[in-house]
Amino acid sequence: MSPETETKASVGFKAGVKEYKLTYYTPEYETKDTDILAAFRVTPQPGV
């Protein structure tokens, strides 16, 4: 028995320009215990 999958393109995965409110900012989002926070420090380098 082979698994059947159905692929649906949602708003977040369609090509083209997306509205900001659909992909970045979600005011009602509540954090979960499994969420990961990542922070990066960018240090300028001379000559780059």
PDB file of N, CA and C in Angstrom:
ATOM      1  N   MET A   1       0.844  -1.174   0.000  1.00  0.00           N
ATOM      2  CA  MET A   1       0.000   0.000   0.000  1.00  0.00           C
ATOM      3  C   MET A   1       0.889   1.237   0.000  1.00  0.00           C
ATOM      4  N   SER A   2       0.791   2.050  -1.033  1.00  0.00           N
ATOM      5  CA  SER A   2       1.601   3.263  -1.086  1.00  0.00           C
ATOM      6  C   SER A   2       0.799   4.444  -0.537  1.00  0.00           C
ATOM      7  N   PRO A   3       1.463   5.308   0.215  1.00  0.00           N
ATOM      8  CA  PRO A   3       0.744   6.455   0.781  1.00  0.00           C
ATOM      9  C   PRO A   3       0.360   7.448  -0.314  1.00  0.00           C
ATOM     10  N   GLU A   4      -0.801   8.026  -0.177  1.00  0.00           N
ATOM     11  CA  GLU A   4      -1.245   9.038  -1.122  1.00  0.00           C
ATOM     12  C   GLU A   4      -1.089  10.403  -0.479  1.00  0.00           C
ATOM     13  N   THR A   5      -0.544  11.320  -1.228  1.00  0.00           N
ATOM     14  CA  THR A   5      -0.393  12.674  -0.706  1.00  0.00           C
ATOM     15  C   THR A   5      -1.076  13.646  -1.649  1.00  0.00           C
ATOM     16  N   GLU A   6      -1.602  14.682  -1.073  1.00  0.00           N
ATOM     17  CA  GLU A   6      -2.241  15.724  -1.861  1.00  0.00           C
ATOM     18  C   GLU A   6      -1.529  17.027  -1.554  1.00  0.00           C
ATOM     19  N   THR A   7      -1.031  17.669  -2.580  1.00  0.00           N
ATOM     20  CA  THR A   7      -0.299  18.917  -2.394  1.00  0.00           C
ATOM     21  C   THR A   7      -1.211  20.088  -2.716  1.00  0.00           C
ATOM     22  N   LYS A   8      -1.323  20.989  -1.764  1.00  0.00           N
ATOM     23  CA  LYS A   8      -2.117  22.194  -1.976  1.00  0.00           C
ATOM     24  C   LYS A   8      -1.215  23.396  -1.762  1.00  0.00           C
ATOM     25  N   ALA A   9      -1.240  24.317  -2.691  1.00  0.00           N
ATOM     26  CA  ALA A   9      -0.450  25.541  -2.551  1.00  0.00           C
ATOM     27  C   ALA A   9      -1.259  26.539  -1.732  1.00  0.00           C
ATOM     28  N   SER A  10      -0.769  26.866  -0.575  1.00  0.00           N
ATOM     29  CA  SER A  10      -1.464  27.850   0.248  1.00  0.00           C
ATOM     30  C   SER A  10      -0.938  29.237  -0.069  1.00  0.00           C
ATOM     31  N   VAL A  11      -1.499  30.235   0.544  1.00  0.00           N
ATOM     32  CA  VAL A  11      -1.100  31.616   0.278  1.00  0.00           C
ATOM     33  C   VAL A  11       0.388  31.810   0.527  1.00  0.00           C
ATOM     34  N   GLY A  12       0.950  31.152   1.546  1.00  0.00           N
ATOM     35  CA  GLY A  12       2.351  31.331   1.877  1.00  0.00           C
ATOM     36  C   GLY A  12       3.317  30.695   0.898  1.00  0.00           C
ATOM     37  N   PHE A  13       2.831  29.838  -0.016  1.00  0.00           N
ATOM     38  CA  PHE A  13       3.740  29.127  -0.904  1.00  0.00           C
ATOM     39  C   PHE A  13       3.530  29.417  -2.384  1.00  0.00           C
ATOM     40  N   LYS A  14       2.581  30.254  -2.740  1.00  0.00           N
ATOM     41  CA  LYS A  14       2.391  30.603  -4.141  1.00  0.00           C
ATOM     42  C   LYS A  14       3.458  31.606  -4.562  1.00  0.00           C
ATOM     43  N   ALA A  15       3.869  31.506  -5.806  1.00  0.00           N
ATOM     44  CA  ALA A  15       4.872  32.438  -6.321  1.00  0.00           C
ATOM     45  C   ALA A  15       4.266  33.824  -6.472  1.00  0.00           C
ATOM     46  N   GLY A  16       5.107  34.825  -6.377  1.00  0.00           N
ATOM     47  CA  GLY A  16       4.645  36.190  -6.576  1.00  0.00           C
ATOM     48  C   GLY A  16       4.731  37.023  -5.312  1.00  0.00           C
ATOM     49  N   VAL A  17       4.211  38.219  -5.397  1.00  0.00           N
ATOM     50  CA  VAL A  17       4.251  39.147  -4.272  1.00  0.00           C
ATOM     51  C   VAL A  17       3.124  38.813  -3.306  1.00  0.00           C
ATOM     52  N   LYS A  18       3.474  38.726  -2.038  1.00  0.00           N
ATOM     53  CA  LYS A  18       2.489  38.391  -1.013  1.00  0.00           C
ATOM     54  C   LYS A  18       2.220  39.609  -0.144  1.00  0.00           C
ATOM     55  N   GLU A  19       1.011  39.700   0.377  1.00  0.00           N
ATOM     56  CA  GLU A  19       0.702  40.790   1.283  1.00  0.00           C
ATOM     57  C   GLU A  19       1.468  40.599   2.581  1.00  0.00           C
ATOM     58  N   TYR A  20       1.970  41.690   3.133  1.00  0.00           N
ATOM     59  CA  TYR A  20       2.754  41.638   4.368  1.00  0.00           C
ATOM     60  C   TYR A  20       1.986  40.946   5.483  1.00  0.00           C
ATOM     61  N   LYS A  21       0.728  41.278   5.644  1.00  0.00           N
ATOM     62  CA  LYS A  21      -0.059  40.734   6.750  1.00  0.00           C
ATOM     63  C   LYS A  21      -0.253  39.222   6.646  1.00  0.00           C
ATOM     64  N   LEU A  22      -0.100  38.649   5.467  1.00  0.00           N
ATOM     65  CA  LEU A  22      -0.314  37.215   5.302  1.00  0.00           C
ATOM     66  C   LEU A  22       0.909  36.380   5.664  1.00  0.00           C
ATOM     67  N   THR A  23       2.096  36.965   5.595  1.00  0.00           N
ATOM     68  CA  THR A  23       3.293  36.146   5.762  1.00  0.00           C
ATOM     69  C   THR A  23       4.185  36.507   6.938  1.00  0.00           C
ATOM     70  N   TYR A  24       4.082  37.724   7.448  1.00  0.00           N
ATOM     71  CA  TYR A  24       5.053  38.132   8.456  1.00  0.00           C
ATOM     72  C   TYR A  24       4.460  38.410   9.832  1.00  0.00           C
ATOM     73  N   TYR A  25       3.438  39.228   9.896  1.00  0.00           N
ATOM     74  CA  TYR A  25       2.940  39.701  11.185  1.00  0.00           C
ATOM     75  C   TYR A  25       1.619  39.030  11.537  1.00  0.00           C
ATOM     76  N   THR A  26       1.601  38.331  12.672  1.00  0.00           N
ATOM     77  CA  THR A  26       0.391  37.680  13.148  1.00  0.00           C
ATOM     78  C   THR A  26       0.177  38.083  14.602  1.00  0.00           C
ATOM     79  N   PRO A  27      -0.600  39.135  14.863  1.00  0.00           N
ATOM     80  CA  PRO A  27      -0.744  39.652  16.228  1.00  0.00           C
ATOM     81  C   PRO A  27      -1.384  38.669  17.201  1.00  0.00           C
ATOM     82  N   GLU A  28      -2.208  37.757  16.714  1.00  0.00           N
ATOM     83  CA  GLU A  28      -2.877  36.814  17.614  1.00  0.00           C
ATOM     84  C   GLU A  28      -2.046  35.552  17.899  1.00  0.00           C
ATOM     85  N   TYR A  29      -0.837  35.474  17.332  1.00  0.00           N
ATOM     86  CA  TYR A  29       0.011  34.299  17.545  1.00  0.00           C
ATOM     87  C   TYR A  29       0.443  34.190  19.002  1.00  0.00           C
ATOM     88  N   GLU A  30       0.365  32.987  19.537  1.00  0.00           N
ATOM     89  CA  GLU A  30       0.835  32.718  20.897  1.00  0.00           C
ATOM     90  C   GLU A  30       1.994  31.736  20.814  1.00  0.00           C
ATOM     91  N   THR A  31       3.069  32.036  21.544  1.00  0.00           N
ATOM     92  CA  THR A  31       4.245  31.173  21.488  1.00  0.00           C
ATOM     93  C   THR A  31       3.951  29.805  22.082  1.00  0.00           C
ATOM     94  N   LYS A  32       4.687  28.821  21.594  1.00  0.00           N
ATOM     95  CA  LYS A  32       4.554  27.440  22.068  1.00  0.00           C
ATOM     96  C   LYS A  32       5.874  27.015  22.703  1.00  0.00           C
ATOM     97  N   ASP A  33       5.843  25.968  23.489  1.00  0.00           N
ATOM     98  CA  ASP A  33       7.058  25.461  24.124  1.00  0.00           C
ATOM     99  C   ASP A  33       8.073  24.966  23.092  1.00  0.00           C
ATOM    100  N   THR A  34       7.605  24.605  21.907  1.00  0.00           N
ATOM    101  CA  THR A  34       8.499  24.061  20.882  1.00  0.00           C
ATOM    102  C   THR A  34       9.050  25.127  19.939  1.00  0.00           C
ATOM    103  N   ASP A  35       8.650  26.384  20.093  1.00  0.00           N
ATOM    104  CA  ASP A  35       9.162  27.464  19.245  1.00  0.00           C
ATOM    105  C   ASP A  35      10.647  27.688  19.510  1.00  0.00           C
ATOM    106  N   ILE A  36      11.364  28.063  18.474  1.00  0.00           N
ATOM    107  CA  ILE A  36      12.800  28.315  18.582  1.00  0.00           C
ATOM    108  C   ILE A  36      13.065  29.778  18.246  1.00  0.00           C
ATOM    109  N   LEU A  37      13.810  30.445  19.100  1.00  0.00           N
ATOM    110  CA  LEU A  37      14.209  31.827  18.860  1.00  0.00           C
ATOM    111  C   LEU A  37      15.662  31.829  18.416  1.00  0.00           C
ATOM    112  N   ALA A  38      15.924  32.470  17.297  1.00  0.00           N
ATOM    113  CA  ALA A  38      17.297  32.554  16.794  1.00  0.00           C
ATOM    114  C   ALA A  38      17.688  34.018  16.667  1.00  0.00           C
ATOM    115  N   ALA A  39      18.882  34.337  17.117  1.00  0.00           N
ATOM    116  CA  ALA A  39      19.393  35.701  17.012  1.00  0.00           C
ATOM    117  C   ALA A  39      20.768  35.650  16.356  1.00  0.00           C
ATOM    118  N   PHE A  40      21.027  36.590  15.474  1.00  0.00           N
ATOM    119  CA  PHE A  40      22.292  36.624  14.760  1.00  0.00           C
ATOM    120  C   PHE A  40      22.932  37.989  14.935  1.00  0.00           C
ATOM    121  N   ARG A  41      24.216  37.999  15.134  1.00  0.00           N
ATOM    122  CA  ARG A  41      24.961  39.252  15.227  1.00  0.00           C
ATOM    123  C   ARG A  41      25.745  39.422  13.931  1.00  0.00           C
ATOM    124  N   VAL A  42      25.575  40.556  13.314  1.00  0.00           N
ATOM    125  CA  VAL A  42      26.294  40.855  12.082  1.00  0.00           C
ATOM    126  C   VAL A  42      27.379  41.859  12.414  1.00  0.00           C
ATOM    127  N   THR A  43      28.626  41.455  12.201  1.00  0.00           N
ATOM    128  CA  THR A  43      29.767  42.317  12.495  1.00  0.00           C
ATOM    129  C   THR A  43      30.420  42.740  11.185  1.00  0.00           C
ATOM    130  N   PRO A  44      30.442  44.044  10.897  1.00  0.00           N
ATOM    131  CA  PRO A  44      31.084  44.508   9.663  1.00  0.00           C
ATOM    132  C   PRO A  44      32.573  44.148   9.645  1.00  0.00           C
ATOM    133  N   GLN A  45      33.063  43.787   8.476  1.00  0.00           N
ATOM    134  CA  GLN A  45      34.476  43.467   8.318  1.00  0.00           C
ATOM    135  C   GLN A  45      35.100  44.470   7.354  1.00  0.00           C
ATOM    136  N   PRO A  46      36.288  44.955   7.681  1.00  0.00           N
ATOM    137  CA  PRO A  46      36.946  45.918   6.789  1.00  0.00           C
ATOM    138  C   PRO A  46      37.180  45.316   5.400  1.00  0.00           C
ATOM    139  N   GLY A  47      36.872  46.080   4.373  1.00  0.00           N
ATOM    140  CA  GLY A  47      37.127  45.634   3.010  1.00  0.00           C
ATOM    141  C   GLY A  47      36.079  44.712   2.429  1.00  0.00           C
ATOM    142  N   VAL A  48      35.013  44.476   3.164  1.00  0.00           N
ATOM    143  CA  VAL A  48      33.969  43.582   2.633  1.00  0.00           C
ATOM    144  C   VAL A  48      32.750  44.384   2.301  1.00  0.00           C
TER     145      VAL A  48
END
